[in-house]
C-alpha cells in the first residue's frame, strides 16, 4: 500500500498541472489514483478471502486504469516524461504486489 500512497504524490501534481479543457482526465486520474489505496485498505479489512480478493481486484483494475491515463497524458504531451515514468514504476509495483496477494 506504500507504493499506492506514493503514487498519489506523483498523480496529484499532474492533476494540478493539466491545462484547462482537460478536466475529464483530471477528474478520472484523481478518482482512480485514490481508489487504489482505498480499495487495498478496505480489502485488508475484510475477513473472508473472497471479499478481500474482490477489493484487491478493484484496486488492481484502478491501477491499470491509471496506467492508461498516464499513457494518454504522454501521447497528448500533457505531462513530463520523468513524472510519467515514476508513476508507471509505482503502478507496476502496486500491480505486482496485488497479483502476489491474489496467489
Protein backbone atom coordinates (compact mmCIF):
# COMPACT_ATOMS: atom_id res chain seq x y z
CA UNK A 1 0.00 0.00 0.00
CA UNK A 2 3.03 2.26 0.41
CA UNK A 3 3.54 2.39 -3.38
CA UNK A 4 -0.15 3.20 -3.86
CA UNK A 5 0.12 6.14 -1.47
CA UNK A 6 3.37 7.24 -3.09
CA UNK A 7 1.62 7.16 -6.46
CA UNK A 8 -0.80 9.78 -5.10
CA UNK A 9 2.16 12.10 -4.52
CA UNK A 10 3.05 11.73 -8.20
CA UNK A 11 -0.50 11.91 -9.57
CA UNK A 12 -1.69 14.92 -7.54
CA UNK A 13 0.74 17.42 -9.11
CA UNK A 14 -0.02 16.01 -12.58
CA UNK A 15 -3.69 16.71 -11.99
CA UNK A 16 -2.93 20.29 -10.93
CA UNK A 17 -0.68 20.89 -13.96
CA UNK A 18 -3.18 19.75 -16.59
CA UNK A 19 -4.19 22.63 -18.84
CA UNK A 20 -7.70 23.99 -18.96
CA UNK A 21 -10.00 21.84 -21.05
CA UNK A 22 -8.74 18.52 -19.68
CA UNK A 23 -10.85 18.35 -16.53
CA UNK A 24 -12.23 14.99 -17.68
CA UNK A 25 -8.72 13.48 -17.43
CA UNK A 26 -8.01 15.33 -14.22
CA UNK A 27 -11.18 14.04 -12.55
CA UNK A 28 -10.62 10.48 -13.73
CA UNK A 29 -7.00 10.41 -12.57
CA UNK A 30 -7.98 11.82 -9.16
CA UNK A 31 -10.70 9.21 -8.68
CA UNK A 32 -8.74 6.19 -9.86
CA UNK A 33 -5.50 7.16 -8.09
CA UNK A 34 -7.37 7.46 -4.79
CA UNK A 35 -9.37 4.29 -5.42
CA UNK A 36 -6.18 2.19 -5.38
CA UNK A 37 -5.14 2.66 -1.73
CA UNK A 38 -8.74 2.90 -0.53
CA UNK A 39 -9.67 -0.45 -2.05
CA UNK A 40 -6.47 -2.07 -0.80
CA UNK A 41 -7.25 -0.85 2.71
CA UNK A 42 -10.86 -1.97 2.50
CA UNK A 43 -9.74 -5.38 1.26
CA UNK A 44 -7.38 -5.78 4.21
CA UNK A 45 -10.33 -5.08 6.49
CA UNK A 46 -12.41 -7.95 5.12
CA UNK A 47 -12.45 -11.30 6.88
CA UNK A 48 -13.20 -13.62 4.00
CA UNK A 49 -10.69 -14.36 1.29
CA UNK A 50 -13.34 -13.79 -1.41
CA UNK A 51 -14.19 -10.32 -0.08
CA UNK A 52 -10.50 -9.36 0.18
CA UNK A 53 -9.87 -10.64 -3.34
CA UNK A 54 -12.76 -8.59 -4.71
CA UNK A 55 -11.42 -5.31 -3.32
CA UNK A 56 -7.87 -6.13 -4.36
CA UNK A 57 -9.11 -6.86 -7.89
CA UNK A 58 -10.80 -3.46 -7.95
CA UNK A 59 -7.58 -1.82 -6.75
CA UNK A 60 -5.60 -3.64 -9.46
CA UNK A 61 -8.08 -2.54 -12.13
CA UNK A 62 -7.80 1.06 -10.90
CA UNK A 63 -4.01 0.83 -11.13
CA UNK A 64 -4.30 -0.36 -14.73
CA UNK A 65 -6.71 2.47 -15.47
CA UNK A 66 -4.23 4.97 -14.01
CA UNK A 67 -1.58 3.48 -16.26
CA UNK A 68 -3.80 4.04 -19.29
CA UNK A 69 -4.41 7.64 -18.22
CA UNK A 70 -0.65 8.18 -17.92
CA UNK A 71 -0.26 6.74 -21.42
CA UNK A 72 -2.87 9.20 -22.68
CA UNK A 73 -1.07 12.09 -20.96
CA UNK A 74 2.14 11.04 -22.68
CA UNK A 75 0.55 10.80 -26.13
CA UNK A 76 -1.11 14.18 -25.63
CA UNK A 77 2.16 15.70 -24.28
CA UNK A 78 0.40 16.81 -21.10
CA UNK A 79 2.94 15.66 -18.51
CA UNK A 80 6.69 15.43 -18.09
CA UNK A 81 8.24 12.12 -19.13
CA UNK A 82 10.11 11.82 -15.83
CA UNK A 83 6.90 12.09 -13.80
CA UNK A 84 5.10 9.69 -16.11
CA UNK A 85 7.93 7.18 -15.78
CA UNK A 86 7.90 7.42 -11.98
CA UNK A 87 4.13 6.99 -11.96
CA UNK A 88 4.32 3.91 -14.18
CA UNK A 89 7.05 2.45 -11.98
CA UNK A 90 4.91 2.84 -8.86
CA UNK A 91 1.85 1.40 -10.58
CA UNK A 92 3.90 -1.61 -11.65
CA UNK A 93 4.88 -2.17 -8.01
CA UNK A 94 1.26 -1.89 -6.90
CA UNK A 95 0.00 -4.34 -9.52
CA UNK A 96 2.83 -6.80 -8.77
CA UNK A 97 2.00 -6.70 -5.07
CA UNK A 98 -1.71 -7.25 -5.72
CA UNK A 99 -1.01 -10.17 -8.06
CA UNK A 100 1.19 -11.80 -5.38
CA UNK A 101 -1.53 -11.33 -2.75
CA UNK A 102 -4.07 -12.96 -5.08
CA UNK A 103 -1.98 -16.13 -5.45
